[in-house]
């Protein structure tokens, strides 16, 4: 799953509809592309309040194998 800077992603896991934006792409020491995504999570999670944000980083392999079934990528025009 190749992503671009500024690309929007919807995480549909469990119907929560978290929204992410790719804000950094870099290569790690093994030559893997790493995608850092800023997530806005509009739901109540114990101890975190109603809404929260987080930054998570994924390898391209993780995105393809583990998350491709629950991430809806919004195509850039």
PDB file of N, CA and C in Angstrom:
ATOM      1  N   UNK A   1       0.852  -1.163   0.000  1.00  0.00           N
ATOM      2  CA  UNK A   1       0.000   0.000   0.000  1.00  0.00           C
ATOM      3  C   UNK A   1       0.906   1.237   0.000  1.00  0.00           C
ATOM      4  N   UNK A   2       1.001   1.878  -1.136  1.00  0.00           N
ATOM      5  CA  UNK A   2       1.791   3.112  -1.246  1.00  0.00           C
ATOM      6  C   UNK A   2       0.900   4.295  -0.897  1.00  0.00           C
ATOM      7  N   UNK A   3       1.385   5.124   0.000  1.00  0.00           N
ATOM      8  CA  UNK A   3       0.646   6.321   0.393  1.00  0.00           C
ATOM      9  C   UNK A   3       1.476   7.549   0.058  1.00  0.00           C
ATOM     10  N   UNK A   4       0.809   8.686   0.002  1.00  0.00           N
ATOM     11  CA  UNK A   4       1.473   9.959  -0.283  1.00  0.00           C
ATOM     12  C   UNK A   4       1.257  10.912   0.884  1.00  0.00           C
ATOM     13  N   UNK A   5       2.156  11.885   0.991  1.00  0.00           N
ATOM     14  CA  UNK A   5       1.973  12.923   2.012  1.00  0.00           C
ATOM     15  C   UNK A   5       0.621  13.591   1.838  1.00  0.00           C
ATOM     16  N   UNK A   6      -0.072  13.814   2.927  1.00  0.00           N
ATOM     17  CA  UNK A   6      -1.373  14.474   2.878  1.00  0.00           C
ATOM     18  C   UNK A   6      -2.537  13.541   2.595  1.00  0.00           C
ATOM     19  N   UNK A   7      -2.256  12.271   2.340  1.00  0.00           N
ATOM     20  CA  UNK A   7      -3.321  11.322   2.025  1.00  0.00           C
ATOM     21  C   UNK A   7      -4.170  11.058   3.266  1.00  0.00           C
ATOM     22  N   UNK A   8      -5.469  11.022   3.075  1.00  0.00           N
ATOM     23  CA  UNK A   8      -6.414  10.748   4.156  1.00  0.00           C
ATOM     24  C   UNK A   8      -6.740   9.266   4.218  1.00  0.00           C
ATOM     25  N   UNK A   9      -6.924   8.779   5.446  1.00  0.00           N
ATOM     26  CA  UNK A   9      -7.248   7.381   5.680  1.00  0.00           C
ATOM     27  C   UNK A   9      -8.370   7.328   6.711  1.00  0.00           C
ATOM     28  N   UNK A  10      -9.332   6.453   6.474  1.00  0.00           N
ATOM     29  CA  UNK A  10     -10.397   6.202   7.440  1.00  0.00           C
ATOM     30  C   UNK A  10     -10.192   4.793   7.978  1.00  0.00           C
ATOM     31  N   UNK A  11     -10.127   4.664   9.310  1.00  0.00           N
ATOM     32  CA  UNK A  11     -10.019   3.358   9.949  1.00  0.00           C
ATOM     33  C   UNK A  11     -11.424   2.931  10.333  1.00  0.00           C
ATOM     34  N   UNK A  12     -11.913   1.890   9.700  1.00  0.00           N
ATOM     35  CA  UNK A  12     -13.290   1.440   9.909  1.00  0.00           C
ATOM     36  C   UNK A  12     -13.395   0.328  10.946  1.00  0.00           C
ATOM     37  N   UNK A  13     -12.319   0.024  11.643  1.00  0.00           N
ATOM     38  CA  UNK A  13     -12.315  -1.043  12.647  1.00  0.00           C
ATOM     39  C   UNK A  13     -13.372  -0.781  13.709  1.00  0.00           C
ATOM     40  N   UNK A  14     -14.240  -1.729  13.904  1.00  0.00           N
ATOM     41  CA  UNK A  14     -15.254  -1.624  14.950  1.00  0.00           C
ATOM     42  C   UNK A  14     -16.221  -0.470  14.761  1.00  0.00           C
ATOM     43  N   UNK A  15     -16.314   0.069  13.551  1.00  0.00           N
ATOM     44  CA  UNK A  15     -17.223   1.163  13.276  1.00  0.00           C
ATOM     45  C   UNK A  15     -16.817   2.496  13.874  1.00  0.00           C
ATOM     46  N   UNK A  16     -15.556   2.643  14.293  1.00  0.00           N
ATOM     47  CA  UNK A  16     -15.160   3.870  14.998  1.00  0.00           C
ATOM     48  C   UNK A  16     -14.852   5.040  14.061  1.00  0.00           C
ATOM     49  N   UNK A  17     -14.518   4.803  12.811  1.00  0.00           N
ATOM     50  CA  UNK A  17     -14.304   5.854  11.800  1.00  0.00           C
ATOM     51  C   UNK A  17     -13.234   6.876  12.205  1.00  0.00           C
ATOM     52  N   UNK A  18     -12.109   6.406  12.734  1.00  0.00           N
ATOM     53  CA  UNK A  18     -10.983   7.298  13.014  1.00  0.00           C
ATOM     54  C   UNK A  18     -10.453   7.836  11.691  1.00  0.00           C
ATOM     55  N   UNK A  19      -9.998   9.083  11.700  1.00  0.00           N
ATOM     56  CA  UNK A  19      -9.493   9.720  10.486  1.00  0.00           C
ATOM     57  C   UNK A  19      -8.018  10.028  10.658  1.00  0.00           C
ATOM     58  N   UNK A  20      -7.223   9.636   9.661  1.00  0.00           N
ATOM     59  CA  UNK A  20      -5.788   9.865   9.717  1.00  0.00           C
ATOM     60  C   UNK A  20      -5.299  10.608   8.491  1.00  0.00           C
ATOM     61  N   UNK A  21      -4.157  11.269   8.647  1.00  0.00           N
ATOM     62  CA  UNK A  21      -3.505  11.931   7.530  1.00  0.00           C
ATOM     63  C   UNK A  21      -2.017  11.563   7.578  1.00  0.00           C
ATOM     64  N   UNK A  22      -1.465  11.193   6.422  1.00  0.00           N
ATOM     65  CA  UNK A  22      -0.047  10.854   6.326  1.00  0.00           C
ATOM     66  C   UNK A  22       0.733  12.162   6.375  1.00  0.00           C
ATOM     67  N   UNK A  23       1.575  12.322   7.401  1.00  0.00           N
ATOM     68  CA  UNK A  23       2.305  13.575   7.522  1.00  0.00           C
ATOM     69  C   UNK A  23       3.815  13.394   7.387  1.00  0.00           C
ATOM     70  N   UNK A  24       4.279  12.140   7.350  1.00  0.00           N
ATOM     71  CA  UNK A  24       5.711  11.909   7.183  1.00  0.00           C
ATOM     72  C   UNK A  24       5.922  10.540   6.543  1.00  0.00           C
ATOM     73  N   UNK A  25       6.848  10.502   5.583  1.00  0.00           N
ATOM     74  CA  UNK A  25       7.263   9.245   4.968  1.00  0.00           C
ATOM     75  C   UNK A  25       8.786   9.245   4.995  1.00  0.00           C
ATOM     76  N   UNK A  26       9.355   8.182   5.531  1.00  0.00           N
ATOM     77  CA  UNK A  26      10.811   8.098   5.569  1.00  0.00           C
ATOM     78  C   UNK A  26      11.241   6.636   5.444  1.00  0.00           C
ATOM     79  N   UNK A  27      12.519   6.432   5.228  1.00  0.00           N
ATOM     80  CA  UNK A  27      13.075   5.098   5.094  1.00  0.00           C
ATOM     81  C   UNK A  27      13.861   4.762   6.355  1.00  0.00           C
ATOM     82  N   UNK A  28      13.604   3.584   6.916  1.00  0.00           N
ATOM     83  CA  UNK A  28      14.346   3.188   8.118  1.00  0.00           C
ATOM     84  C   UNK A  28      15.694   2.585   7.733  1.00  0.00           C
ATOM     85  N   UNK A  29      16.451   2.155   8.713  1.00  0.00           N
ATOM     86  CA  UNK A  29      17.809   1.646   8.462  1.00  0.00           C
ATOM     87  C   UNK A  29      17.816   0.335   7.684  1.00  0.00           C
ATOM     88  N   UNK A  30      16.670  -0.323   7.554  1.00  0.00           N
ATOM     89  CA  UNK A  30      16.573  -1.570   6.790  1.00  0.00           C
ATOM     90  C   UNK A  30      16.079  -1.340   5.365  1.00  0.00           C
ATOM     91  N   UNK A  31      15.841  -0.080   5.018  1.00  0.00           N
ATOM     92  CA  UNK A  31      15.358   0.253   3.684  1.00  0.00           C
ATOM     93  C   UNK A  31      13.858   0.177   3.524  1.00  0.00           C
ATOM     94  N   UNK A  32      13.134   0.007   4.645  1.00  0.00           N
ATOM     95  CA  UNK A  32      11.670  -0.059   4.594  1.00  0.00           C
ATOM     96  C   UNK A  32      11.078   1.345   4.616  1.00  0.00           C
ATOM     97  N   UNK A  33      10.042   1.573   3.814  1.00  0.00           N
ATOM     98  CA  UNK A  33       9.312   2.833   3.894  1.00  0.00           C
ATOM     99  C   UNK A  33       8.462   2.826   5.152  1.00  0.00           C
ATOM    100  N   UNK A  34       8.525   3.930   5.914  1.00  0.00           N
ATOM    101  CA  UNK A  34       7.745   4.088   7.129  1.00  0.00           C
ATOM    102  C   UNK A  34       6.780   5.253   6.921  1.00  0.00           C
ATOM    103  N   UNK A  35       5.519   5.030   7.222  1.00  0.00           N
ATOM    104  CA  UNK A  35       4.481   6.045   7.079  1.00  0.00           C
ATOM    105  C   UNK A  35       4.012   6.465   8.464  1.00  0.00           C
ATOM    106  N   UNK A  36       4.187   7.726   8.804  1.00  0.00           N
ATOM    107  CA  UNK A  36       3.676   8.259  10.067  1.00  0.00           C
ATOM    108  C   UNK A  36       2.326   8.906   9.796  1.00  0.00           C
ATOM    109  N   UNK A  37       1.339   8.500  10.585  1.00  0.00           N
ATOM    110  CA  UNK A  37      -0.039   8.953  10.380  1.00  0.00           C
ATOM    111  C   UNK A  37      -0.544   9.612  11.658  1.00  0.00           C
ATOM    112  N   UNK A  38      -1.085  10.805  11.508  1.00  0.00           N
ATOM    113  CA  UNK A  38      -1.708  11.546  12.616  1.00  0.00           C
ATOM    114  C   UNK A  38      -3.180  11.173  12.628  1.00  0.00           C
ATOM    115  N   UNK A  39      -3.633  10.569  13.721  1.00  0.00           N
ATOM    116  CA  UNK A  39      -5.005  10.087  13.838  1.00  0.00           C
ATOM    117  C   UNK A  39      -5.840  10.981  14.748  1.00  0.00           C
ATOM    118  N   UNK A  40      -7.075  11.250  14.331  1.00  0.00           N
ATOM    119  CA  UNK A  40      -8.085  11.905  15.154  1.00  0.00           C
ATOM    120  C   UNK A  40      -9.129  10.831  15.452  1.00  0.00           C
ATOM    121  N   UNK A  41      -9.332  10.579  16.746  1.00  0.00           N
ATOM    122  CA  UNK A  41     -10.174   9.465  17.179  1.00  0.00           C
ATOM    123  C   UNK A  41     -11.357  10.000  17.986  1.00  0.00           C
ATOM    124  N   UNK A  42     -12.506  10.162  17.343  1.00  0.00           N
ATOM    125  CA  UNK A  42     -13.676  10.763  18.002  1.00  0.00           C
ATOM    126  C   UNK A  42     -14.537   9.750  18.751  1.00  0.00           C
ATOM    127  N   UNK A  43     -14.035   9.280  19.888  1.00  0.00           N
ATOM    128  CA  UNK A  43     -14.833   8.359  20.695  1.00  0.00           C
ATOM    129  C   UNK A  43     -14.310   8.366  22.121  1.00  0.00           C
ATOM    130  N   UNK A  44     -15.095   7.834  23.007  1.00  0.00           N
ATOM    131  CA  UNK A  44     -14.713   7.808  24.413  1.00  0.00           C
ATOM    132  C   UNK A  44     -13.889   6.561  24.704  1.00  0.00           C
ATOM    133  N   UNK A  45     -12.696   6.764  25.206  1.00  0.00           N
ATOM    134  CA  UNK A  45     -11.826   5.665  25.602  1.00  0.00           C
ATOM    135  C   UNK A  45     -11.470   5.879  27.064  1.00  0.00           C
ATOM    136  N   UNK A  46     -11.597   4.849  27.861  1.00  0.00           N
ATOM    137  CA  UNK A  46     -11.359   4.944  29.303  1.00  0.00           C
ATOM    138  C   UNK A  46     -10.036   5.659  29.597  1.00  0.00           C
ATOM    139  N   UNK A  47     -10.126   6.729  30.369  1.00  0.00           N
ATOM    140  CA  UNK A  47      -8.940   7.460  30.780  1.00  0.00           C
ATOM    141  C   UNK A  47      -8.457   8.511  29.810  1.00  0.00           C
ATOM    142  N   UNK A  48      -9.005   8.543  28.602  1.00  0.00           N
ATOM    143  CA  UNK A  48      -8.546   9.505  27.603  1.00  0.00           C
ATOM    144  C   UNK A  48      -9.581  10.573  27.290  1.00  0.00           C
ATOM    145  N   UNK A  49     -10.739  10.511  27.881  1.00  0.00           N
ATOM    146  CA  UNK A  49     -11.779  11.475  27.568  1.00  0.00           C
ATOM    147  C   UNK A  49     -12.544  11.062  26.330  1.00  0.00           C
ATOM    148  N   UNK A  50     -13.299  12.000  25.775  1.00  0.00           N
ATOM    149  CA  UNK A  50     -14.133  11.675  24.619  1.00  0.00           C
ATOM    150  C   UNK A  50     -13.332  11.510  23.343  1.00  0.00           C
ATOM    151  N   UNK A  51     -12.628  12.527  22.946  1.00  0.00           N
ATOM    152  CA  UNK A  51     -11.866  12.483  21.700  1.00  0.00           C
ATOM    153  C   UNK A  51     -10.381  12.511  22.024  1.00  0.00           C
ATOM    154  N   UNK A  52      -9.593  11.899  21.175  1.00  0.00           N
ATOM    155  CA  UNK A  52      -8.153  11.970  21.355  1.00  0.00           C
ATOM    156  C   UNK A  52      -7.451  11.907  20.008  1.00  0.00           C
ATOM    157  N   UNK A  53      -6.191  12.282  19.994  1.00  0.00           N
ATOM    158  CA  UNK A  53      -5.363  12.189  18.798  1.00  0.00           C
ATOM    159  C   UNK A  53      -4.124  11.379  19.144  1.00  0.00           C
ATOM    160  N   UNK A  54      -3.531  10.791  18.125  1.00  0.00           N
ATOM    161  CA  UNK A  54      -2.307  10.025  18.316  1.00  0.00           C
ATOM    162  C   UNK A  54      -1.548   9.968  17.001  1.00  0.00           C
ATOM    163  N   UNK A  55      -0.272   9.676  17.088  1.00  0.00           N
ATOM    164  CA  UNK A  55       0.566   9.482  15.908  1.00  0.00           C
ATOM    165  C   UNK A  55       1.070   8.050  15.953  1.00  0.00           C
ATOM    166  N   UNK A  56       0.839   7.319  14.870  1.00  0.00           N
ATOM    167  CA  UNK A  56       1.317   5.943  14.753  1.00  0.00           C
ATOM    168  C   UNK A  56       2.107   5.813  13.462  1.00  0.00           C
ATOM    169  N   UNK A  57       3.133   4.970  13.494  1.00  0.00           N
ATOM    170  CA  UNK A  57       3.954   4.728  12.306  1.00  0.00           C
ATOM    171  C   UNK A  57       3.811   3.273  11.884  1.00  0.00           C
ATOM    172  N   UNK A  58       3.756   3.063  10.574  1.00  0.00           N
ATOM    173  CA  UNK A  58       3.550   1.738  10.008  1.00  0.00           C
ATOM    174  C   UNK A  58       4.551   1.506   8.883  1.00  0.00           C
ATOM    175  N   UNK A  59       5.022   0.266   8.757  1.00  0.00           N
ATOM    176  CA  UNK A  59       5.792  -0.094   7.570  1.00  0.00           C
ATOM    177  C   UNK A  59       4.800  -0.340   6.435  1.00  0.00           C
ATOM    178  N   UNK A  60       5.304  -0.333   5.221  1.00  0.00           N
ATOM    179  CA  UNK A  60       4.439  -0.617   4.078  1.00  0.00           C
ATOM    180  C   UNK A  60       3.877  -2.034   4.187  1.00  0.00           C
ATOM    181  N   UNK A  61       4.687  -2.962   4.677  1.00  0.00           N
ATOM    182  CA  UNK A  61       4.241  -4.346   4.845  1.00  0.00           C
ATOM    183  C   UNK A  61       3.086  -4.444   5.846  1.00  0.00           C
ATOM    184  N   UNK A  62       3.193  -3.712   6.962  1.00  0.00           N
ATOM    185  CA  UNK A  62       2.102  -3.708   7.943  1.00  0.00           C
ATOM    186  C   UNK A  62       0.819  -3.184   7.325  1.00  0.00           C
ATOM    187  N   UNK A  63       0.939  -2.112   6.566  1.00  0.00           N
ATOM    188  CA  UNK A  63      -0.252  -1.535   5.939  1.00  0.00           C
ATOM    189  C   UNK A  63      -0.899  -2.524   4.981  1.00  0.00           C
ATOM    190  N   UNK A  64      -0.097  -3.230   4.213  1.00  0.00           N
ATOM    191  CA  UNK A  64      -0.642  -4.174   3.231  1.00  0.00           C
ATOM    192  C   UNK A  64      -1.220  -5.422   3.886  1.00  0.00           C
ATOM    193  N   UNK A  65      -0.487  -6.004   4.833  1.00  0.00           N
ATOM    194  CA  UNK A  65      -0.888  -7.292   5.400  1.00  0.00           C
ATOM    195  C   UNK A  65      -1.900  -7.170   6.531  1.00  0.00           C
ATOM    196  N   UNK A  66      -1.690  -6.243   7.434  1.00  0.00           N
ATOM    197  CA  UNK A  66      -2.501  -6.198   8.639  1.00  0.00           C
ATOM    198  C   UNK A  66      -3.650  -5.204   8.583  1.00  0.00           C
ATOM    199  N   UNK A  67      -3.470  -4.123   7.850  1.00  0.00           N
ATOM    200  CA  UNK A  67      -4.448  -3.044   7.923  1.00  0.00           C
ATOM    201  C   UNK A  67      -5.234  -2.812   6.640  1.00  0.00           C
ATOM    202  N   UNK A  68      -4.872  -3.461   5.552  1.00  0.00           N
ATOM    203  CA  UNK A  68      -5.540  -3.188   4.280  1.00  0.00           C
ATOM    204  C   UNK A  68      -7.030  -3.490   4.339  1.00  0.00           C
ATOM    205  N   UNK A  69      -7.446  -4.410   5.192  1.00  0.00           N
ATOM    206  CA  UNK A  69      -8.857  -4.777   5.276  1.00  0.00           C
ATOM    207  C   UNK A  69      -9.684  -3.788   6.106  1.00  0.00           C
ATOM    208  N   UNK A  70      -9.035  -2.928   6.898  1.00  0.00           N
ATOM    209  CA  UNK A  70      -9.804  -2.011   7.740  1.00  0.00           C
ATOM    210  C   UNK A  70      -9.494  -0.531   7.469  1.00  0.00           C
ATOM    211  N   UNK A  71      -8.543  -0.240   6.576  1.00  0.00           N
ATOM    212  CA  UNK A  71      -8.234   1.147   6.230  1.00  0.00           C
ATOM    213  C   UNK A  71      -8.841   1.479   4.874  1.00  0.00           C
ATOM    214  N   UNK A  72      -9.581   2.543   4.836  1.00  0.00           N
ATOM    215  CA  UNK A  72     -10.138   3.052   3.581  1.00  0.00           C
ATOM    216  C   UNK A  72      -9.296   4.274   3.194  1.00  0.00           C
ATOM    217  N   UNK A  73      -8.544   4.160   2.099  1.00  0.00           N
ATOM    218  CA  UNK A  73      -7.657   5.236   1.666  1.00  0.00           C
ATOM    219  C   UNK A  73      -8.414   6.140   0.707  1.00  0.00           C
ATOM    220  N   UNK A  74      -8.393   7.446   0.993  1.00  0.00           N
ATOM    221  CA  UNK A  74      -9.039   8.435   0.149  1.00  0.00           C
ATOM    222  C   UNK A  74      -8.020   8.860  -0.905  1.00  0.00           C
ATOM    223  N   UNK A  75      -8.331   8.627  -2.161  1.00  0.00           N
ATOM    224  CA  UNK A  75      -7.396   8.927  -3.259  1.00  0.00           C
ATOM    225  C   UNK A  75      -7.224  10.424  -3.424  1.00  0.00           C
ATOM    226  N   UNK A  76      -5.972  10.845  -3.612  1.00  0.00           N
ATOM    227  CA  UNK A  76      -5.669  12.247  -3.879  1.00  0.00           C
ATOM    228  C   UNK A  76      -5.899  12.544  -5.342  1.00  0.00           C
ATOM    229  N   UNK A  77      -6.353  13.757  -5.625  1.00  0.00           N
ATOM    230  CA  UNK A  77      -6.570  14.149  -7.025  1.00  0.00           C
ATOM    231  C   UNK A  77      -5.461  15.062  -7.473  1.00  0.00           C
TER     232      UNK A  77
END
